[in-house]
Amino acid sequence: MKSFSVREICVYIERCWQHRKNKDRKTLYSHILIIIISAKSLWESIWGELNIREPLWPPIPDHDGFSALHCISYFGIAEVADTLIKMDRWGVNQQDGAGMTPLIWAASLGHEEVVRLLLGNKHIRPDRRDSDFCRTALSWAAGNGHKGVVRLFLRPRFSNPGSIGGRWGKVARVVDVLFGERYVDPDSLGIYYRTPLSWAAESGHGGIVRLLLEREGVNPNIPDMKDGRTPLSFAAKNGHEGTVRLLLGRKNVYPDIPSRYEGTPLSLAAKNGHRGIVKLLLGRKDVNPNSSSGSGQTPLFWAAWSGHHAIIELLLGREDVDPNTLSKMHGQTLLTRAAENGHVGIVKLLLGWRGVNPDIPDTYYGRTPLSLPAENGHVGVVKLLLGREDVNPDSSNECGETPLILAARNGHCGVAEQLRSRKSRRTH
């Protein structure tokens, strides 16, 4: 049999489907059969040309165990899928080399009619996982934004048949024995312990998030295993304001659960510059604006680190947020953090804010807000700080190094000149 290249197959398929409406059914099926026959050589070509060694995200079809039903489900050809399923020659739950079943392929690519046909088969196991990412068909559909497919999995016929004696209960186990695994767990945990809701929230698929939240028994607060992020954390980090509103509208969603490193949803939104979400979260009484992350950073510090001026103004507008608070990491003030990264606008804002002390050293090395920008060569920040009479230009760190020494050692001539000029003015 002739081996087709990836390009030849892809061009052929594109042309075939562009003109499918003008072809009679017999001609259409003959084209499809060529695709099926070529499937194995196609996937072998893909793997060879890409020189694949590690699992892909998302995965591509693996030729090992990739049957005609896999192929038709992958391309979403419902007319042929119906025939192949009725022939009962290929197992509807068969996994290819990546552990992907025909149902997972169809669901992940949004082929709703093929999913409907597969779910109607009496032997189907709708909650089977792929072997690389341990994700179910529902998980893939939710993460990829296929609302119609998700709705099919959430139908009552796939609901948990019982809850006595454990998570799924004795009733479910009996049903499994008699009829096979026919239920769908809407909270199925895949790679990194992530739920379908988590995947949908991360990508901002609001319609799917709403569907899952309406499903009885869905836990909206399950954190992932990698960093401890909840669905709300993922939505806040990526700036999906509509999804955040949906989640906050649920009474059983806890808005202040911290992740291991970057902190609460408020910290994630502040770090990534999502002002609307920060405003939403600050409007909640159950959100602590001073909560610190595992790395010891508050939302205010994350905003300063990333240079988000508008968010800093929002946070400093709160009476319960102190701009002189020291971070748990290196014991720095907010001004020190902004100055270190050269954020001139934020330094200017803080220097004009009431109660900000511009000369507090950190507790780690004894470095003042002036020391770090001098060492890093941030001329604009150094100039702003030297304009303050309450900033000591000769302050030294624990090693006895002054800002001038640090600037000179790193070759920052402009900064060194600014410091010498200030020193000269003080001596006259």
Protein backbone atom coordinates (compact mmCIF):
# COMPACT_ATOMS: atom_id res chain seq x y z
CA MET A 1 0.00 0.00 0.00
CA LYS A 2 1.26 3.48 -0.87
CA SER A 3 2.44 5.56 2.09
CA PHE A 4 1.08 9.11 1.99
CA SER A 5 2.92 12.13 3.44
CA VAL A 6 1.29 14.31 6.09
CA ARG A 7 0.91 17.15 3.60
CA GLU A 8 -0.73 14.92 0.96
CA ILE A 9 -3.28 13.58 3.44
CA CYS A 10 -4.07 16.99 4.90
CA VAL A 11 -4.54 18.59 1.46
CA TYR A 12 -6.68 15.67 0.34
CA ILE A 13 -8.96 15.87 3.38
CA GLU A 14 -9.33 19.64 3.00
CA ARG A 15 -10.36 19.32 -0.65
CA CYS A 16 -12.65 16.41 0.09
CA TRP A 17 -14.64 18.29 2.69
CA GLN A 18 -14.76 21.54 0.73
CA HIS A 19 -16.74 19.76 -1.96
CA ARG A 20 -18.63 17.19 0.09
CA LYS A 21 -22.01 18.86 -0.56
CA ASN A 22 -21.54 18.39 -4.31
CA LYS A 23 -20.72 14.68 -4.10
CA ASP A 24 -23.12 11.80 -3.90
CA ARG A 25 -22.99 9.56 -0.85
CA LYS A 26 -21.23 6.70 -2.65
CA THR A 27 -18.40 9.00 -3.80
CA LEU A 28 -18.16 10.56 -0.35
CA TYR A 29 -17.82 7.15 1.32
CA SER A 30 -15.12 6.12 -1.14
CA HIS A 31 -13.14 9.18 -0.15
CA ILE A 32 -13.61 8.34 3.50
CA LEU A 33 -12.39 4.80 2.97
CA ILE A 34 -9.17 6.16 1.49
CA ILE A 35 -8.72 8.26 4.63
CA ILE A 36 -9.28 5.20 6.83
CA ILE A 37 -6.86 3.03 4.83
CA SER A 38 -4.27 5.78 4.93
CA ALA A 39 -4.74 6.44 8.66
CA LYS A 40 -1.98 4.16 9.88
CA SER A 41 0.62 5.49 7.46
CA LEU A 42 -0.52 9.04 8.25
CA TRP A 43 0.10 8.72 11.98
CA GLU A 44 3.38 6.90 11.39
CA SER A 45 4.45 9.80 9.18
CA ILE A 46 3.46 12.35 11.81
CA TRP A 47 5.41 10.61 14.54
CA GLY A 48 8.44 10.18 12.28
CA GLU A 49 8.47 13.74 10.92
CA LEU A 50 8.02 15.37 14.33
CA ASN A 51 10.52 12.99 15.97
CA ILE A 52 8.21 12.71 18.97
CA ARG A 53 9.72 11.50 22.23
CA GLU A 54 7.50 13.08 24.91
CA PRO A 55 3.67 13.20 25.22
CA LEU A 56 2.14 16.20 23.44
CA TRP A 57 -0.35 18.65 24.96
CA PRO A 58 -2.91 18.09 23.61
CA PRO A 59 -1.88 14.70 22.20
CA ILE A 60 -2.12 13.71 18.54
CA PRO A 61 -3.47 10.34 17.37
CA ASP A 62 -1.09 7.46 18.03
CA HIS A 63 -1.01 4.92 15.19
CA ASP A 64 -0.64 2.03 17.66
CA GLY A 65 -4.19 0.74 18.14
CA PHE A 66 -5.66 3.61 16.12
CA SER A 67 -8.66 1.93 14.50
CA ALA A 68 -11.06 3.04 11.76
CA LEU A 69 -13.48 4.15 14.48
CA HIS A 70 -10.74 6.25 16.07
CA CYS A 71 -10.07 7.86 12.70
CA ILE A 72 -13.71 8.66 11.95
CA SER A 73 -14.23 9.99 15.49
CA TYR A 74 -11.12 12.16 15.15
CA PHE A 75 -12.39 13.72 11.91
CA GLY A 76 -16.00 13.89 13.16
CA ILE A 77 -17.64 12.03 10.26
CA ALA A 78 -20.96 11.16 11.90
CA GLU A 79 -22.48 9.34 8.87
CA VAL A 80 -19.69 6.77 8.86
CA ALA A 81 -19.35 6.63 12.64
CA ASP A 82 -22.95 5.45 12.89
CA THR A 83 -22.26 2.58 10.47
CA LEU A 84 -19.01 1.54 12.13
CA ILE A 85 -20.59 1.50 15.60
CA LYS A 86 -23.48 -0.67 14.37
CA MET A 87 -21.05 -3.07 12.69
CA ASP A 88 -19.67 -3.76 16.20
CA ARG A 89 -16.31 -4.72 14.68
CA TRP A 90 -14.24 -2.13 16.50
CA GLY A 91 -14.49 -1.73 20.27
CA VAL A 92 -16.02 1.59 21.25
CA ASN A 93 -13.77 1.67 24.32
CA GLN A 94 -10.57 0.62 22.55
CA GLN A 95 -7.58 2.80 23.37
CA ASP A 96 -4.83 3.79 20.96
CA GLY A 97 -1.18 4.11 21.99
CA ALA A 98 -1.92 7.39 23.81
CA GLY A 99 -4.78 5.75 25.67
CA MET A 100 -7.33 7.81 23.74
CA THR A 101 -10.69 6.20 22.96
CA PRO A 102 -12.89 7.21 20.01
CA LEU A 103 -15.14 9.03 22.50
CA ILE A 104 -12.25 11.06 23.94
CA TRP A 105 -11.11 12.06 20.44
CA ALA A 106 -14.60 13.13 19.38
CA ALA A 107 -15.26 15.01 22.64
CA SER A 108 -11.90 16.78 22.71
CA LEU A 109 -12.37 18.02 19.14
CA GLY A 110 -16.02 19.04 19.59
CA HIS A 111 -17.65 16.52 17.25
CA GLU A 112 -21.01 16.61 19.01
CA GLU A 113 -22.94 14.25 16.73
CA VAL A 114 -20.24 11.56 16.91
CA VAL A 115 -20.19 11.89 20.70
CA ARG A 116 -23.97 11.47 20.75
CA LEU A 117 -23.72 8.29 18.67
CA LEU A 118 -20.96 6.80 20.85
CA LEU A 119 -22.82 7.61 24.08
CA GLY A 120 -25.83 5.79 22.69
CA ASN A 121 -23.88 2.54 22.45
CA LYS A 122 -24.70 0.12 25.26
CA HIS A 123 -21.06 -0.85 25.76
CA ILE A 124 -19.66 2.66 26.04
CA ARG A 125 -17.67 3.64 29.14
CA PRO A 126 -18.13 7.43 29.12
CA ASP A 127 -15.80 8.09 32.05
CA ARG A 128 -12.75 6.19 30.80
CA ARG A 129 -9.50 8.18 30.97
CA ASP A 130 -6.64 8.52 28.53
CA SER A 131 -3.36 7.04 29.71
CA ASP A 132 -1.07 10.05 29.23
CA PHE A 133 -3.05 12.75 31.02
CA CYS A 134 -5.63 10.70 32.98
CA ARG A 135 -8.41 12.90 31.62
CA THR A 136 -11.92 11.84 30.70
CA ALA A 137 -13.84 12.84 27.60
CA LEU A 138 -15.78 15.37 29.72
CA SER A 139 -12.52 16.90 30.95
CA TRP A 140 -11.19 17.35 27.41
CA ALA A 141 -14.47 18.80 26.14
CA ALA A 142 -14.70 21.25 29.05
CA GLY A 143 -11.12 22.43 28.64
CA ASN A 144 -11.47 22.90 24.89
CA GLY A 145 -14.71 24.86 25.13
CA HIS A 146 -17.18 22.41 23.55
CA LYS A 147 -20.36 23.35 25.40
CA GLY A 148 -22.71 21.11 23.43
CA VAL A 149 -20.54 18.07 24.09
CA VAL A 150 -20.31 18.89 27.80
CA ARG A 151 -24.09 19.12 27.97
CA LEU A 152 -24.35 15.57 26.56
CA PHE A 153 -22.18 14.19 29.39
CA LEU A 154 -24.16 16.04 32.05
CA ARG A 155 -27.50 14.53 31.08
CA PRO A 156 -29.39 12.78 33.93
CA ARG A 157 -28.84 9.34 32.37
CA PHE A 158 -25.14 9.62 33.22
CA SER A 159 -25.65 10.87 36.78
CA ASN A 160 -24.26 9.06 39.82
CA PRO A 161 -26.73 6.22 40.54
CA GLY A 162 -26.11 6.26 44.28
CA SER A 163 -24.09 7.77 47.07
CA ILE A 164 -24.38 5.25 49.92
CA GLY A 165 -21.24 3.83 51.46
CA GLY A 166 -18.61 6.01 49.82
CA ARG A 167 -18.08 8.45 47.02
CA TRP A 168 -20.11 6.54 44.45
CA GLY A 169 -21.73 4.08 46.80
CA LYS A 170 -22.81 0.45 46.72
CA VAL A 171 -25.61 1.13 44.25
CA ALA A 172 -23.12 2.41 41.70
CA ARG A 173 -20.93 -0.66 42.06
CA VAL A 174 -23.90 -2.96 41.48
CA VAL A 175 -24.89 -0.98 38.38
CA ASP A 176 -21.31 -1.28 37.13
CA VAL A 177 -21.40 -5.06 37.42
CA LEU A 178 -24.75 -5.37 35.67
CA PHE A 179 -24.48 -2.74 32.94
CA GLY A 180 -20.89 -1.46 32.89
CA GLU A 181 -19.65 1.95 33.97
CA ARG A 182 -22.42 4.17 32.66
CA TYR A 183 -22.07 7.22 34.93
CA VAL A 184 -19.96 10.33 34.45
CA ASP A 185 -18.12 11.91 37.37
CA PRO A 186 -18.33 15.70 36.82
CA ASP A 187 -15.45 16.12 39.28
CA SER A 188 -13.15 13.54 37.68
CA LEU A 189 -9.54 14.27 38.57
CA GLY A 190 -7.00 14.19 35.76
CA ILE A 191 -3.37 15.23 35.48
CA TYR A 192 -2.24 17.46 38.37
CA TYR A 193 -5.49 16.59 40.16
CA ARG A 194 -7.51 18.96 37.98
CA THR A 195 -11.28 18.82 37.43
CA PRO A 196 -13.30 19.63 34.29
CA LEU A 197 -14.39 22.86 36.03
CA SER A 198 -10.75 23.81 36.56
CA TRP A 199 -9.93 23.36 32.86
CA ALA A 200 -13.00 25.31 31.75
CA ALA A 201 -12.34 28.18 34.20
CA GLU A 202 -8.69 28.47 33.14
CA SER A 203 -9.72 29.03 29.51
CA GLY A 204 -12.66 31.30 30.36
CA HIS A 205 -15.39 29.06 28.96
CA GLY A 206 -18.20 30.75 30.91
CA GLY A 207 -21.04 28.71 29.43
CA ILE A 208 -19.37 25.46 30.42
CA VAL A 209 -18.51 26.79 33.88
CA ARG A 210 -22.19 27.63 34.35
CA LEU A 211 -23.26 24.14 33.22
CA LEU A 212 -20.88 22.45 35.65
CA LEU A 213 -21.81 24.72 38.56
CA GLU A 214 -25.46 23.86 38.00
CA ARG A 215 -24.71 20.16 38.23
CA GLU A 216 -25.47 18.83 41.71
CA GLY A 217 -22.43 17.51 43.54
CA VAL A 218 -19.78 19.53 41.68
CA ASN A 219 -17.19 20.87 44.13
CA PRO A 220 -16.00 24.30 42.88
CA ASN A 221 -13.12 24.53 45.36
CA ILE A 222 -10.97 21.50 44.48
CA PRO A 223 -7.32 22.69 44.24
CA ASP A 224 -4.92 21.20 41.73
CA MET A 225 -1.98 19.14 42.99
CA LYS A 226 0.72 21.11 41.19
CA ASP A 227 0.28 24.50 42.87
CA GLY A 228 -2.96 24.26 44.83
CA ARG A 229 -4.96 26.52 42.48
CA THR A 230 -8.76 26.39 42.52
CA PRO A 231 -10.96 27.05 39.47
CA LEU A 232 -11.38 30.63 40.74
CA SER A 233 -7.59 31.02 40.95
CA PHE A 234 -7.15 29.91 37.33
CA ALA A 235 -9.87 32.29 36.11
CA ALA A 236 -8.47 35.21 38.14
CA LYS A 237 -4.92 34.62 36.93
CA ASN A 238 -5.92 34.59 33.26
CA GLY A 239 -8.23 37.61 33.51
CA HIS A 240 -11.54 35.89 32.75
CA GLU A 241 -13.74 38.40 34.53
CA GLY A 242 -17.04 36.87 33.42
CA THR A 243 -15.99 33.46 34.73
CA VAL A 244 -14.85 35.02 38.01
CA ARG A 245 -18.28 36.65 38.38
CA LEU A 246 -19.97 33.30 37.78
CA LEU A 247 -17.86 31.58 40.43
CA LEU A 248 -18.26 34.38 42.98
CA GLY A 249 -22.02 34.20 42.47
CA ARG A 250 -22.06 30.72 44.02
CA LYS A 251 -22.45 30.54 47.80
CA ASN A 252 -20.24 27.46 48.04
CA VAL A 253 -17.23 29.08 46.32
CA TYR A 254 -14.52 30.18 48.78
CA PRO A 255 -12.77 33.23 47.25
CA ASP A 256 -9.69 33.36 49.48
CA ILE A 257 -8.10 29.89 49.11
CA PRO A 258 -4.34 30.40 48.57
CA SER A 259 -2.19 28.48 46.12
CA ARG A 260 1.19 27.24 47.31
CA TYR A 261 3.37 29.91 45.73
CA GLU A 262 1.40 32.81 44.24
CA GLY A 263 -1.28 33.11 46.92
CA THR A 264 -5.00 33.81 46.71
CA PRO A 265 -7.08 34.65 43.62
CA LEU A 266 -6.63 38.32 44.59
CA SER A 267 -2.83 37.96 44.50
CA LEU A 268 -2.98 36.21 41.11
CA ALA A 269 -5.21 38.92 39.64
CA ALA A 270 -3.00 41.69 41.10
CA LYS A 271 0.21 40.08 39.82
CA ASN A 272 -1.18 39.73 36.29
CA GLY A 273 -2.75 43.19 36.09
CA HIS A 274 -6.44 42.31 35.97
CA ARG A 275 -7.94 45.43 37.56
CA GLY A 276 -11.60 44.48 37.09
CA ILE A 277 -11.11 41.18 38.90
CA VAL A 278 -9.12 42.85 41.69
CA LYS A 279 -12.01 45.28 42.16
CA LEU A 280 -14.52 42.41 42.27
CA LEU A 281 -12.53 40.53 44.90
CA LEU A 282 -11.90 43.62 47.05
CA GLY A 283 -15.66 44.09 47.17
CA ARG A 284 -16.00 40.82 49.09
CA LYS A 285 -15.92 40.84 52.88
CA ASP A 286 -14.46 37.33 52.91
CA VAL A 287 -11.34 38.36 50.94
CA ASN A 288 -8.26 39.43 52.92
CA PRO A 289 -6.36 42.17 51.00
CA ASN A 290 -3.21 41.46 53.05
CA SER A 291 -3.08 37.68 52.63
CA SER A 292 0.43 36.44 51.90
CA SER A 293 1.41 33.66 49.52
CA GLY A 294 3.74 30.76 50.20
CA SER A 295 6.59 32.98 49.04
CA GLY A 296 5.55 35.65 51.54
CA GLN A 297 4.10 38.15 49.03
CA THR A 298 0.84 40.09 49.51
CA PRO A 299 -1.37 41.23 46.60
CA LEU A 300 0.19 44.69 46.94
CA PHE A 301 3.70 43.29 46.59
CA TRP A 302 2.77 41.19 43.54
CA ALA A 303 1.29 44.29 41.87
CA ALA A 304 4.45 46.29 42.64
CA TRP A 305 6.68 43.49 41.37
CA SER A 306 4.81 43.43 38.05
CA GLY A 307 4.45 47.21 37.77
CA HIS A 308 0.65 47.48 37.78
CA HIS A 309 0.09 51.14 38.78
CA ALA A 310 -3.74 51.13 38.74
CA ILE A 311 -3.97 48.04 40.94
CA ILE A 312 -1.59 49.50 43.50
CA GLU A 313 -3.82 52.58 43.71
CA LEU A 314 -6.85 50.32 44.26
CA LEU A 315 -5.14 48.43 47.07
CA LEU A 316 -3.66 51.49 48.74
CA GLY A 317 -7.13 53.03 48.73
CA ARG A 318 -8.05 50.53 51.42
CA GLU A 319 -7.58 51.68 55.01
CA ASP A 320 -6.50 48.18 56.03
CA VAL A 321 -3.55 48.06 53.60
CA ASP A 322 -0.25 49.44 54.98
CA PRO A 323 2.32 50.52 52.33
CA ASN A 324 5.17 50.14 54.85
CA THR A 325 4.49 46.48 55.63
CA LEU A 326 7.54 44.27 55.18
CA SER A 327 7.24 41.23 52.93
CA LYS A 328 8.03 37.85 54.46
CA MET A 329 10.58 37.23 51.70
CA HIS A 330 13.70 39.38 52.30
CA GLY A 331 11.73 41.73 54.57
CA GLN A 332 11.32 44.43 51.92
CA THR A 333 8.88 47.32 51.80
CA LEU A 334 6.63 47.92 48.81
CA LEU A 335 8.81 50.88 47.79
CA THR A 336 11.95 48.72 47.85
CA ARG A 337 10.28 46.11 45.63
CA ALA A 338 9.14 48.70 43.06
CA ALA A 339 12.52 50.49 43.10
CA GLU A 340 14.42 47.23 42.63
CA ASN A 341 12.54 46.53 39.39
CA GLY A 342 12.84 50.08 38.06
CA HIS A 343 9.12 50.96 38.10
CA VAL A 344 9.47 54.76 38.01
CA GLY A 345 5.74 55.48 37.96
CA ILE A 346 5.03 53.31 40.98
CA VAL A 347 7.98 54.76 42.93
CA LYS A 348 6.67 58.25 42.19
CA LEU A 349 3.18 57.21 43.31
CA LEU A 350 4.47 55.73 46.57
CA LEU A 351 6.70 58.70 47.38
CA GLY A 352 3.64 60.93 47.13
CA TRP A 353 1.50 58.61 49.26
CA ARG A 354 0.84 59.56 52.85
CA GLY A 355 2.87 57.71 55.47
CA VAL A 356 5.39 56.04 53.12
CA ASN A 357 8.89 55.88 54.63
CA PRO A 358 11.45 55.99 51.76
CA ASP A 359 14.47 54.85 53.77
CA ILE A 360 13.47 51.57 55.51
CA PRO A 361 16.16 48.88 55.03
CA ASP A 362 15.18 45.27 54.36
CA THR A 363 15.71 42.72 57.09
CA TYR A 364 17.73 40.35 54.93
CA TYR A 365 20.78 42.37 53.78
CA GLY A 366 20.02 45.81 55.21
CA ARG A 367 19.40 47.29 51.74
CA THR A 368 17.38 50.52 51.48
CA PRO A 369 15.03 51.44 48.61
CA LEU A 370 17.97 53.42 47.15
CA SER A 371 20.51 50.57 47.29
CA LEU A 372 18.79 48.17 44.90
CA PRO A 373 18.04 50.56 41.99
CA ALA A 374 21.60 51.90 42.33
CA GLU A 375 22.93 48.35 42.03
CA ASN A 376 20.63 47.58 39.08
CA GLY A 377 21.25 50.82 37.21
CA HIS A 378 17.75 52.35 37.35
CA VAL A 379 18.69 56.03 36.88
CA GLY A 380 15.11 57.38 36.92
CA VAL A 381 14.29 55.68 40.22
CA VAL A 382 17.57 56.80 41.82
CA LYS A 383 16.87 60.40 40.74
CA LEU A 384 13.40 60.31 42.33
CA LEU A 385 14.72 58.95 45.63
CA LEU A 386 17.61 61.42 45.77
CA GLY A 387 15.06 64.21 45.44
CA ARG A 388 13.86 63.38 48.95
CA GLU A 389 15.59 64.95 51.91
CA ASP A 390 14.65 61.99 54.12
CA VAL A 391 16.65 59.53 51.97
CA ASN A 392 20.22 58.88 53.13
CA PRO A 393 22.45 58.43 50.02
CA ASP A 394 25.29 57.02 52.12
CA SER A 395 23.35 54.24 53.86
CA SER A 396 25.25 50.96 53.81
CA ASN A 397 24.08 47.35 53.73
CA GLU A 398 25.28 44.60 56.06
CA CYS A 399 28.47 44.27 53.99
CA GLY A 400 29.24 47.98 54.39
CA GLU A 401 28.44 48.77 50.74
CA THR A 402 26.85 52.16 49.97
CA PRO A 403 24.65 52.84 46.91
CA LEU A 404 27.63 54.56 45.25
CA ILE A 405 29.87 51.51 45.71
CA LEU A 406 27.17 49.21 44.32
CA ALA A 407 26.60 51.43 41.26
CA ALA A 408 30.32 51.81 40.53
CA ARG A 409 31.01 48.10 40.89
CA ASN A 410 28.35 47.29 38.30
CA GLY A 411 29.44 49.98 35.87
CA HIS A 412 26.35 52.20 36.18
CA CYS A 413 28.03 55.52 35.46
CA GLY A 414 24.84 57.58 35.25
CA VAL A 415 23.69 56.37 38.67
CA ALA A 416 27.14 56.93 40.17
CA GLU A 417 27.17 60.51 38.87
CA GLN A 418 23.74 61.17 40.43
CA LEU A 419 24.99 59.89 43.79
CA ARG A 420 28.23 61.90 43.66
CA SER A 421 26.26 65.01 42.78
CA ARG A 422 23.94 64.55 45.77
CA LYS A 423 26.91 63.91 48.06
CA SER A 424 28.63 67.05 46.77
CA ARG A 425 25.52 69.14 47.48
CA ARG A 426 25.38 67.82 51.04
CA THR A 427 29.01 68.72 51.78
CA HIS A 428 28.66 72.35 50.64
